[in-house]
């Protein structure tokens, strides 16, 4: 068969071949993307320990990915009258573990929460808050934030 005998057949065959190639390329791209995501999910993380020797202020210890799967945390030391400043949990939830001293958690839209030694305070996602040392001793605490699937409000 000569090319000029059936020009539409060759063009239609060419179009089908190109469509199949495009589909195959798209499937390969999707497979590669899923492979990369799966490899990231399987990243082996090792146990870690950190000394809580923060000289003062906020000292981050866990800094999120790739160190963790998303969790962050650190320790804070506040002198009497100091505060960390207003901030929001955004799409994270936060736990405060009070190690020493006392203070107050100011939580937007809620009554202040008294913080004392050996207690845990929970701050939900999308919550603006501040922590202040209103005691006479240094306030020491550990904070841990973890991402949630809830959207920030």
C-alpha atoms as a PDB file:
ATOM      1  CA  UNK A   1       0.000   0.000   0.000  1.00  0.00           C
ATOM      2  CA  UNK A   2       1.362   3.407  -0.930  1.00  0.00           C
ATOM      3  CA  UNK A   3       1.221   6.336   1.442  1.00  0.00           C
ATOM      4  CA  UNK A   4      -0.774   8.531  -0.952  1.00  0.00           C
ATOM      5  CA  UNK A   5      -3.405   5.814  -1.517  1.00  0.00           C
ATOM      6  CA  UNK A   6      -4.927   6.152   2.010  1.00  0.00           C
ATOM      7  CA  UNK A   7      -3.713   9.362   3.667  1.00  0.00           C
ATOM      8  CA  UNK A   8      -6.455   9.314   6.376  1.00  0.00           C
ATOM      9  CA  UNK A   9      -5.586   5.795   7.510  1.00  0.00           C
ATOM     10  CA  UNK A  10      -1.972   6.693   8.188  1.00  0.00           C
ATOM     11  CA  UNK A  11      -2.988   9.887  10.023  1.00  0.00           C
ATOM     12  CA  UNK A  12      -5.566   8.011  12.099  1.00  0.00           C
ATOM     13  CA  UNK A  13      -3.029   5.278  12.950  1.00  0.00           C
ATOM     14  CA  UNK A  14      -0.497   7.930  13.868  1.00  0.00           C
ATOM     15  CA  UNK A  15      -3.068   9.671  16.103  1.00  0.00           C
ATOM     16  CA  UNK A  16      -3.920   6.397  17.886  1.00  0.00           C
ATOM     17  CA  UNK A  17      -0.234   5.621  18.409  1.00  0.00           C
ATOM     18  CA  UNK A  18       0.412   9.111  19.829  1.00  0.00           C
ATOM     19  CA  UNK A  19      -2.613   8.804  22.141  1.00  0.00           C
ATOM     20  CA  UNK A  20      -1.336   5.454  23.405  1.00  0.00           C
ATOM     21  CA  UNK A  21       2.149   6.901  23.955  1.00  0.00           C
ATOM     22  CA  UNK A  22       0.748   9.875  25.864  1.00  0.00           C
ATOM     23  CA  UNK A  23      -1.359   7.564  28.038  1.00  0.00           C
ATOM     24  CA  UNK A  24       1.638   5.301  28.710  1.00  0.00           C
ATOM     25  CA  UNK A  25       3.795   8.321  29.618  1.00  0.00           C
ATOM     26  CA  UNK A  26       1.105   9.653  31.963  1.00  0.00           C
ATOM     27  CA  UNK A  27       0.802   6.248  33.658  1.00  0.00           C
ATOM     28  CA  UNK A  28       4.587   6.064  34.071  1.00  0.00           C
ATOM     29  CA  UNK A  29       4.626   9.549  35.656  1.00  0.00           C
ATOM     30  CA  UNK A  30       1.848   8.582  38.071  1.00  0.00           C
ATOM     31  CA  UNK A  31       3.650   5.341  38.988  1.00  0.00           C
ATOM     32  CA  UNK A  32       6.907   7.207  39.618  1.00  0.00           C
ATOM     33  CA  UNK A  33       5.115   9.819  41.748  1.00  0.00           C
ATOM     34  CA  UNK A  34       3.436   7.103  43.852  1.00  0.00           C
ATOM     35  CA  UNK A  35       6.779   5.329  44.205  1.00  0.00           C
ATOM     36  CA  UNK A  36       8.447   8.498  45.483  1.00  0.00           C
ATOM     37  CA  UNK A  37       5.606   9.155  47.927  1.00  0.00           C
ATOM     38  CA  UNK A  38       5.691   5.561  49.168  1.00  0.00           C
ATOM     39  CA  UNK A  39       9.469   5.762  49.671  1.00  0.00           C
ATOM     40  CA  UNK A  40       9.047   8.964  51.675  1.00  0.00           C
ATOM     41  CA  UNK A  41       6.368   7.286  53.822  1.00  0.00           C
ATOM     42  CA  UNK A  42       8.742   4.391  54.501  1.00  0.00           C
ATOM     43  CA  UNK A  43      11.592   6.663  55.628  1.00  0.00           C
ATOM     44  CA  UNK A  44      13.081   4.914  58.603  1.00  0.00           C
ATOM     45  CA  UNK A  45      13.398   7.228  61.555  1.00  0.00           C
ATOM     46  CA  UNK A  46      15.596   6.454  64.493  1.00  0.00           C
ATOM     47  CA  UNK A  47      14.806   7.014  68.184  1.00  0.00           C
ATOM     48  CA  UNK A  48      16.326  10.229  69.530  1.00  0.00           C
ATOM     49  CA  UNK A  49      16.970  11.826  72.916  1.00  0.00           C
ATOM     50  CA  UNK A  50      17.641  15.449  73.791  1.00  0.00           C
ATOM     51  CA  UNK A  51      18.903  17.149  76.928  1.00  0.00           C
ATOM     52  CA  UNK A  52      16.512  19.808  78.195  1.00  0.00           C
ATOM     53  CA  UNK A  53      19.290  22.314  78.793  1.00  0.00           C
ATOM     54  CA  UNK A  54      17.650  25.386  77.306  1.00  0.00           C
ATOM     55  CA  UNK A  55      19.448  28.486  78.612  1.00  0.00           C
ATOM     56  CA  UNK A  56      16.287  30.572  78.320  1.00  0.00           C
ATOM     57  CA  UNK A  57      13.439  31.404  75.986  1.00  0.00           C
ATOM     58  CA  UNK A  58      12.214  28.867  73.421  1.00  0.00           C
ATOM     59  CA  UNK A  59      14.629  26.096  72.372  1.00  0.00           C
ATOM     60  CA  UNK A  60      13.315  23.887  69.514  1.00  0.00           C
ATOM     61  CA  UNK A  61      14.444  20.251  69.671  1.00  0.00           C
ATOM     62  CA  UNK A  62      12.252  18.311  67.230  1.00  0.00           C
ATOM     63  CA  UNK A  63      12.063  20.303  64.025  1.00  0.00           C
ATOM     64  CA  UNK A  64       9.611  18.301  61.894  1.00  0.00           C
ATOM     65  CA  UNK A  65      10.369  16.551  58.606  1.00  0.00           C
ATOM     66  CA  UNK A  66      12.705  14.991  57.741  1.00  0.00           C
ATOM     67  CA  UNK A  67      13.757  14.575  61.391  1.00  0.00           C
ATOM     68  CA  UNK A  68      10.222  13.397  62.298  1.00  0.00           C
ATOM     69  CA  UNK A  69       7.022  12.616  60.402  1.00  0.00           C
ATOM     70  CA  UNK A  70       5.760  16.101  61.224  1.00  0.00           C
ATOM     71  CA  UNK A  71       5.932  16.377  65.007  1.00  0.00           C
ATOM     72  CA  UNK A  72       7.858  19.323  66.404  1.00  0.00           C
ATOM     73  CA  UNK A  73       8.805  20.122  69.979  1.00  0.00           C
ATOM     74  CA  UNK A  74      11.130  21.924  72.288  1.00  0.00           C
ATOM     75  CA  UNK A  75      11.662  23.290  75.746  1.00  0.00           C
ATOM     76  CA  UNK A  76      11.026  26.728  77.177  1.00  0.00           C
ATOM     77  CA  UNK A  77      12.391  28.575  80.213  1.00  0.00           C
ATOM     78  CA  UNK A  78      10.668  31.795  81.217  1.00  0.00           C
ATOM     79  CA  UNK A  79      11.771  34.078  84.045  1.00  0.00           C
ATOM     80  CA  UNK A  80       9.134  35.645  86.270  1.00  0.00           C
ATOM     81  CA  UNK A  81       7.029  38.054  84.187  1.00  0.00           C
ATOM     82  CA  UNK A  82       8.231  36.746  80.797  1.00  0.00           C
ATOM     83  CA  UNK A  83       5.946  35.282  78.122  1.00  0.00           C
ATOM     84  CA  UNK A  84       6.469  33.430  74.836  1.00  0.00           C
ATOM     85  CA  UNK A  85       4.207  35.812  72.910  1.00  0.00           C
ATOM     86  CA  UNK A  86       0.877  35.295  71.205  1.00  0.00           C
ATOM     87  CA  UNK A  87       0.885  32.669  68.461  1.00  0.00           C
ATOM     88  CA  UNK A  88      -1.507  30.176  66.857  1.00  0.00           C
ATOM     89  CA  UNK A  89      -1.448  26.415  66.683  1.00  0.00           C
ATOM     90  CA  UNK A  90      -2.707  26.754  63.085  1.00  0.00           C
ATOM     91  CA  UNK A  91      -3.277  23.205  61.760  1.00  0.00           C
ATOM     92  CA  UNK A  92      -1.369  21.659  64.687  1.00  0.00           C
ATOM     93  CA  UNK A  93      -2.457  20.585  68.116  1.00  0.00           C
ATOM     94  CA  UNK A  94      -0.125  21.329  71.010  1.00  0.00           C
ATOM     95  CA  UNK A  95       0.682  19.825  74.390  1.00  0.00           C
ATOM     96  CA  UNK A  96       2.507  21.726  77.137  1.00  0.00           C
ATOM     97  CA  UNK A  97       4.166  19.619  79.836  1.00  0.00           C
ATOM     98  CA  UNK A  98       4.964  21.816  82.834  1.00  0.00           C
ATOM     99  CA  UNK A  99       8.186  20.670  84.516  1.00  0.00           C
ATOM    100  CA  UNK A 100       8.897  23.450  87.026  1.00  0.00           C
ATOM    101  CA  UNK A 101       7.326  26.679  88.212  1.00  0.00           C
ATOM    102  CA  UNK A 102       3.906  28.079  87.445  1.00  0.00           C
ATOM    103  CA  UNK A 103       2.255  30.312  84.922  1.00  0.00           C
ATOM    104  CA  UNK A 104      -0.827  30.948  82.892  1.00  0.00           C
ATOM    105  CA  UNK A 105      -1.920  30.014  79.380  1.00  0.00           C
ATOM    106  CA  UNK A 106      -3.924  32.838  77.825  1.00  0.00           C
ATOM    107  CA  UNK A 107      -6.203  31.247  75.220  1.00  0.00           C
ATOM    108  CA  UNK A 108      -8.134  33.446  72.810  1.00  0.00           C
ATOM    109  CA  UNK A 109     -11.870  33.201  73.489  1.00  0.00           C
ATOM    110  CA  UNK A 110     -11.419  31.077  76.640  1.00  0.00           C
ATOM    111  CA  UNK A 111     -10.683  31.714  80.300  1.00  0.00           C
ATOM    112  CA  UNK A 112      -6.999  31.704  81.266  1.00  0.00           C
ATOM    113  CA  UNK A 113      -5.639  28.290  82.266  1.00  0.00           C
ATOM    114  CA  UNK A 114      -3.424  28.068  85.356  1.00  0.00           C
ATOM    115  CA  UNK A 115      -0.257  26.066  84.731  1.00  0.00           C
ATOM    116  CA  UNK A 116       1.515  24.275  87.587  1.00  0.00           C
ATOM    117  CA  UNK A 117       4.315  21.747  87.925  1.00  0.00           C
ATOM    118  CA  UNK A 118       3.700  18.200  86.742  1.00  0.00           C
ATOM    119  CA  UNK A 119       0.698  18.989  84.565  1.00  0.00           C
ATOM    120  CA  UNK A 120      -0.114  18.773  80.886  1.00  0.00           C
ATOM    121  CA  UNK A 121      -2.132  21.418  79.036  1.00  0.00           C
ATOM    122  CA  UNK A 122      -3.686  20.722  75.634  1.00  0.00           C
ATOM    123  CA  UNK A 123      -4.148  23.470  73.020  1.00  0.00           C
ATOM    124  CA  UNK A 124      -6.442  22.495  70.110  1.00  0.00           C
ATOM    125  CA  UNK A 125      -5.810  23.337  66.429  1.00  0.00           C
ATOM    126  CA  UNK A 126      -6.478  26.888  65.187  1.00  0.00           C
ATOM    127  CA  UNK A 127      -6.113  28.359  68.687  1.00  0.00           C
ATOM    128  CA  UNK A 128      -4.335  31.647  69.367  1.00  0.00           C
ATOM    129  CA  UNK A 129      -2.569  31.535  72.735  1.00  0.00           C
ATOM    130  CA  UNK A 130       0.281  32.796  74.917  1.00  0.00           C
ATOM    131  CA  UNK A 131       2.114  31.411  77.964  1.00  0.00           C
ATOM    132  CA  UNK A 132       3.255  33.757  80.742  1.00  0.00           C
ATOM    133  CA  UNK A 133       5.258  33.063  83.884  1.00  0.00           C
ATOM    134  CA  UNK A 134       3.234  34.748  86.622  1.00  0.00           C
ATOM    135  CA  UNK A 135       5.119  32.945  89.423  1.00  0.00           C
ATOM    136  CA  UNK A 136       8.287  33.783  91.296  1.00  0.00           C
ATOM    137  CA  UNK A 137      10.406  30.860  90.020  1.00  0.00           C
ATOM    138  CA  UNK A 138      11.542  30.060  86.485  1.00  0.00           C
ATOM    139  CA  UNK A 139       8.763  28.387  84.482  1.00  0.00           C
ATOM    140  CA  UNK A 140      10.111  25.383  82.552  1.00  0.00           C
ATOM    141  CA  UNK A 141       8.013  23.372  80.157  1.00  0.00           C
ATOM    142  CA  UNK A 142       8.192  21.142  77.109  1.00  0.00           C
ATOM    143  CA  UNK A 143       5.966  21.821  74.116  1.00  0.00           C
ATOM    144  CA  UNK A 144       5.039  19.312  71.442  1.00  0.00           C
ATOM    145  CA  UNK A 145       3.026  20.112  68.314  1.00  0.00           C
ATOM    146  CA  UNK A 146       1.720  17.583  65.844  1.00  0.00           C
ATOM    147  CA  UNK A 147      -0.055  18.196  62.535  1.00  0.00           C
ATOM    148  CA  UNK A 148      -3.726  17.343  62.264  1.00  0.00           C
ATOM    149  CA  UNK A 149      -6.009  16.878  59.315  1.00  0.00           C
ATOM    150  CA  UNK A 150      -8.214  19.751  60.508  1.00  0.00           C
ATOM    151  CA  UNK A 151      -7.970  22.979  58.529  1.00  0.00           C
ATOM    152  CA  UNK A 152      -7.034  26.202  60.295  1.00  0.00           C
ATOM    153  CA  UNK A 153     -10.007  28.421  61.039  1.00  0.00           C
END
